[in-house]
Amino acid sequence: MGIDYDSLITFLIMWGTLTIMVISAYIRMDSEDRASARQDFTSPHSIFTVGFVLIGHFLTSVGNLFGIHFIKYIGIVILIVGGVTCTLDVWKKSKIQGALVPALISVAIYFLVV
């Protein structure tokens, strides 16, 4: 279990930037908006769509970082489940965007596997 330094740099830039942006936006919110954001992010709809995509991508990144293929494949499965639920959710609103979501998820999985 060695650390791949190319994956480490990608991991730190991608997840570090995202974390800093989310924390800074959350700090700037007033208490009413914070409560609304917490309620939105803990709803089952949010967890099963965007939450699964983020968790799957995070696990796949950690698997790539440490070279643990088991974690990487679990992340890919969770990413696929999140992609399917996002596709079904978006498909109700727009058929074109609903077709675009699986294409983007497939491209992301391809680059995560390779």
Protein backbone atom coordinates (compact mmCIF):
# COMPACT_ATOMS: atom_id res chain seq x y z
CA MET A 1 0.00 0.00 0.00
CA GLY A 2 2.09 2.85 -1.30
CA ILE A 3 0.96 6.35 -2.07
CA ASP A 4 0.86 7.36 -5.71
CA TYR A 5 2.16 10.93 -5.68
CA ASP A 6 0.41 11.93 -8.91
CA SER A 7 -2.88 10.84 -7.35
CA LEU A 8 -1.97 12.67 -4.14
CA ILE A 9 -1.58 15.99 -5.95
CA THR A 10 -4.83 15.49 -7.85
CA PHE A 11 -6.60 14.44 -4.66
CA LEU A 12 -5.40 17.45 -2.68
CA ILE A 13 -6.18 19.96 -5.41
CA MET A 14 -9.61 18.57 -6.24
CA TRP A 15 -10.93 17.72 -2.78
CA GLY A 16 -9.06 20.48 -0.97
CA THR A 17 -10.41 23.18 -3.26
CA LEU A 18 -13.94 21.80 -2.99
CA THR A 19 -13.73 21.58 0.81
CA ILE A 20 -12.40 25.12 1.20
CA MET A 21 -15.08 26.52 -1.10
CA VAL A 22 -17.91 24.72 0.72
CA ILE A 23 -16.65 25.71 4.18
CA SER A 24 -16.17 29.34 3.21
CA ALA A 25 -19.65 29.53 1.68
CA TYR A 26 -21.15 27.88 4.76
CA ILE A 27 -19.40 30.32 7.10
CA ARG A 28 -20.74 33.32 5.14
CA MET A 29 -24.35 32.11 5.44
CA ASP A 30 -26.68 33.41 8.09
CA SER A 31 -28.20 30.96 10.57
CA GLU A 32 -31.44 30.58 8.64
CA ASP A 33 -29.62 29.66 5.42
CA ARG A 34 -27.35 27.24 7.32
CA ALA A 35 -30.38 25.40 8.71
CA SER A 36 -31.91 25.24 5.25
CA ALA A 37 -28.65 23.92 3.74
CA ARG A 38 -28.34 21.25 6.44
CA GLN A 39 -31.93 20.20 5.84
CA ASP A 40 -31.38 20.03 2.07
CA PHE A 41 -28.16 18.02 2.29
CA THR A 42 -29.57 15.50 4.77
CA SER A 43 -32.71 14.81 2.75
CA PRO A 44 -32.94 11.32 1.19
CA HIS A 45 -33.31 12.87 -2.27
CA SER A 46 -30.00 14.69 -1.96
CA ILE A 47 -28.19 11.73 -0.41
CA PHE A 48 -29.27 9.24 -3.08
CA THR A 49 -28.46 11.52 -6.01
CA VAL A 50 -25.57 13.92 -5.54
CA GLY A 51 -24.45 12.36 -2.26
CA PHE A 52 -23.82 8.95 -3.81
CA VAL A 53 -21.97 10.51 -6.73
CA LEU A 54 -19.70 12.47 -4.37
CA ILE A 55 -19.13 9.54 -2.00
CA GLY A 56 -18.40 7.20 -4.90
CA HIS A 57 -15.97 9.61 -6.47
CA PHE A 58 -14.26 10.23 -3.11
CA LEU A 59 -13.83 6.50 -2.45
CA THR A 60 -12.49 5.95 -5.94
CA SER A 61 -10.01 8.78 -5.44
CA VAL A 62 -8.89 7.30 -2.11
CA GLY A 63 -8.54 3.89 -3.76
CA ASN A 64 -6.39 5.40 -6.50
CA LEU A 65 -4.34 7.33 -3.96
CA PHE A 66 -3.42 4.34 -1.81
CA GLY A 67 -3.52 1.71 -4.56
CA ILE A 68 -6.30 -0.28 -2.88
CA HIS A 69 -8.40 -1.65 -5.71
CA PHE A 70 -11.15 -2.94 -3.42
CA ILE A 71 -12.00 0.58 -2.21
CA LYS A 72 -11.74 1.85 -5.77
CA TYR A 73 -14.28 -0.70 -7.04
CA ILE A 74 -16.67 -0.03 -4.15
CA GLY A 75 -16.48 3.66 -5.05
CA ILE A 76 -17.23 2.90 -8.69
CA VAL A 77 -20.30 0.85 -7.72
CA ILE A 78 -21.58 3.67 -5.49
CA LEU A 79 -20.83 6.15 -8.29
CA ILE A 80 -22.88 4.05 -10.73
CA VAL A 81 -25.82 3.87 -8.29
CA GLY A 82 -25.65 7.64 -7.81
CA GLY A 83 -25.44 8.17 -11.56
CA VAL A 84 -28.53 6.03 -12.18
CA THR A 85 -30.55 7.85 -9.52
CA CYS A 86 -29.38 11.24 -10.84
CA THR A 87 -30.35 10.18 -14.36
CA LEU A 88 -33.83 9.15 -13.24
CA ASP A 89 -34.23 12.39 -11.31
CA VAL A 90 -33.09 14.63 -14.15
CA TRP A 91 -34.97 12.59 -16.79
CA LYS A 92 -38.29 13.77 -15.33
CA LYS A 93 -37.33 17.40 -15.98
CA SER A 94 -35.44 17.20 -19.27
CA LYS A 95 -34.78 14.26 -21.58
CA ILE A 96 -31.64 15.82 -23.09
CA GLN A 97 -30.04 16.54 -19.72
CA GLY A 98 -31.17 13.09 -18.55
CA ALA A 99 -29.22 11.55 -21.42
CA LEU A 100 -26.20 13.75 -20.68
CA VAL A 101 -25.83 12.62 -17.04
CA PRO A 102 -24.98 8.95 -17.79
CA ALA A 103 -22.57 10.05 -20.50
CA LEU A 104 -20.69 12.32 -18.09
CA ILE A 105 -20.71 9.68 -15.33
CA SER A 106 -19.37 7.12 -17.83
CA VAL A 107 -16.53 9.44 -18.85
CA ALA A 108 -15.69 10.07 -15.18
CA ILE A 109 -15.64 6.33 -14.45
CA TYR A 110 -13.43 5.70 -17.47
CA PHE A 111 -10.86 8.23 -16.31
CA LEU A 112 -11.03 6.97 -12.72
CA VAL A 113 -10.41 3.37 -13.79
CA VAL A 114 -7.62 4.14 -16.24
